[in-house]
């Protein structure tokens, strides 16, 4: 029997990622992104997809600046 808790990956409006125990609902402002699995699987997924750690509200103005 596998006693490892099941998790899913969630993201907020600032495009920041986290994982959440699948037995509970994520807090307000966080939504599932469609990936679930073990804690290690979810952390590996987050590492692959979250390549820019800056919040969206910081990233957008900085990306729009002239070089």
C-alpha atoms as a PDB file:
ATOM      1  CA  UNK A   1       0.000   0.000   0.000  1.00  0.00           C
ATOM      2  CA  UNK A   2       1.295   3.455  -0.926  1.00  0.00           C
ATOM      3  CA  UNK A   3       0.920   5.884   1.984  1.00  0.00           C
ATOM      4  CA  UNK A   4       2.491   8.848   0.143  1.00  0.00           C
ATOM      5  CA  UNK A   5       0.057  11.751   0.084  1.00  0.00           C
ATOM      6  CA  UNK A   6      -1.159  12.821  -3.350  1.00  0.00           C
ATOM      7  CA  UNK A   7      -0.525  16.437  -4.351  1.00  0.00           C
ATOM      8  CA  UNK A   8      -1.440  18.747  -7.170  1.00  0.00           C
ATOM      9  CA  UNK A   9       0.330  21.794  -8.563  1.00  0.00           C
ATOM     10  CA  UNK A  10      -1.388  25.144  -8.065  1.00  0.00           C
ATOM     11  CA  UNK A  11      -0.656  28.636  -9.398  1.00  0.00           C
ATOM     12  CA  UNK A  12      -1.801  32.072  -8.288  1.00  0.00           C
ATOM     13  CA  UNK A  13      -2.622  35.222 -10.274  1.00  0.00           C
ATOM     14  CA  UNK A  14       1.021  36.290 -10.048  1.00  0.00           C
ATOM     15  CA  UNK A  15       1.976  33.037 -11.832  1.00  0.00           C
ATOM     16  CA  UNK A  16       3.761  31.681  -8.769  1.00  0.00           C
ATOM     17  CA  UNK A  17       3.599  27.910  -8.265  1.00  0.00           C
ATOM     18  CA  UNK A  18       3.173  25.679  -5.257  1.00  0.00           C
ATOM     19  CA  UNK A  19       1.944  22.198  -4.468  1.00  0.00           C
ATOM     20  CA  UNK A  20      -1.101  21.376  -2.416  1.00  0.00           C
ATOM     21  CA  UNK A  21      -2.349  18.238  -0.731  1.00  0.00           C
ATOM     22  CA  UNK A  22      -5.009  16.782  -3.025  1.00  0.00           C
ATOM     23  CA  UNK A  23      -7.213  15.903  -0.052  1.00  0.00           C
ATOM     24  CA  UNK A  24      -7.930  19.605   0.545  1.00  0.00           C
ATOM     25  CA  UNK A  25      -8.941  22.620  -1.505  1.00  0.00           C
ATOM     26  CA  UNK A  26      -6.263  25.186  -2.294  1.00  0.00           C
ATOM     27  CA  UNK A  27      -6.522  28.569  -0.561  1.00  0.00           C
ATOM     28  CA  UNK A  28      -8.287  31.489  -2.214  1.00  0.00           C
ATOM     29  CA  UNK A  29      -6.306  32.881  -5.126  1.00  0.00           C
ATOM     30  CA  UNK A  30      -4.671  29.551  -6.037  1.00  0.00           C
ATOM     31  CA  UNK A  31      -5.914  27.264  -8.826  1.00  0.00           C
ATOM     32  CA  UNK A  32      -4.865  23.780  -9.957  1.00  0.00           C
ATOM     33  CA  UNK A  33      -2.883  23.747 -13.220  1.00  0.00           C
ATOM     34  CA  UNK A  34      -3.738  20.171 -14.188  1.00  0.00           C
ATOM     35  CA  UNK A  35      -0.720  18.306 -12.827  1.00  0.00           C
ATOM     36  CA  UNK A  36      -0.845  15.955  -9.863  1.00  0.00           C
ATOM     37  CA  UNK A  37       1.212  13.160  -8.348  1.00  0.00           C
ATOM     38  CA  UNK A  38       3.656  12.532  -5.550  1.00  0.00           C
ATOM     39  CA  UNK A  39       5.358  15.424  -3.828  1.00  0.00           C
ATOM     40  CA  UNK A  40       8.561  14.690  -5.773  1.00  0.00           C
ATOM     41  CA  UNK A  41       6.663  14.564  -9.092  1.00  0.00           C
ATOM     42  CA  UNK A  42       4.952  17.882  -8.395  1.00  0.00           C
ATOM     43  CA  UNK A  43       8.175  19.585  -7.319  1.00  0.00           C
ATOM     44  CA  UNK A  44       9.919  18.318 -10.472  1.00  0.00           C
ATOM     45  CA  UNK A  45       7.062  19.675 -12.605  1.00  0.00           C
ATOM     46  CA  UNK A  46       7.257  23.073 -10.890  1.00  0.00           C
ATOM     47  CA  UNK A  47      11.016  23.168 -11.478  1.00  0.00           C
ATOM     48  CA  UNK A  48      10.453  22.512 -15.205  1.00  0.00           C
ATOM     49  CA  UNK A  49       7.698  25.085 -15.766  1.00  0.00           C
ATOM     50  CA  UNK A  50       8.531  27.906 -13.333  1.00  0.00           C
ATOM     51  CA  UNK A  51      11.614  29.277 -15.021  1.00  0.00           C
ATOM     52  CA  UNK A  52      11.201  32.933 -14.023  1.00  0.00           C
ATOM     53  CA  UNK A  53      10.661  33.372 -10.292  1.00  0.00           C
ATOM     54  CA  UNK A  54       9.605  37.015 -10.551  1.00  0.00           C
ATOM     55  CA  UNK A  55       5.897  37.642  -9.917  1.00  0.00           C
ATOM     56  CA  UNK A  56       3.929  38.513 -13.075  1.00  0.00           C
ATOM     57  CA  UNK A  57       3.317  42.081 -11.829  1.00  0.00           C
ATOM     58  CA  UNK A  58       7.081  42.652 -11.642  1.00  0.00           C
ATOM     59  CA  UNK A  59       8.016  40.691 -14.746  1.00  0.00           C
ATOM     60  CA  UNK A  60       5.640  42.432 -17.195  1.00  0.00           C
ATOM     61  CA  UNK A  61       6.862  46.028 -16.645  1.00  0.00           C
ATOM     62  CA  UNK A  62      10.507  44.931 -16.680  1.00  0.00           C
ATOM     63  CA  UNK A  63      10.038  42.959 -19.904  1.00  0.00           C
ATOM     64  CA  UNK A  64       8.416  45.976 -21.587  1.00  0.00           C
ATOM     65  CA  UNK A  65      11.349  48.319 -20.839  1.00  0.00           C
ATOM     66  CA  UNK A  66      13.513  49.379 -23.786  1.00  0.00           C
ATOM     67  CA  UNK A  67      16.950  47.772 -23.782  1.00  0.00           C
END
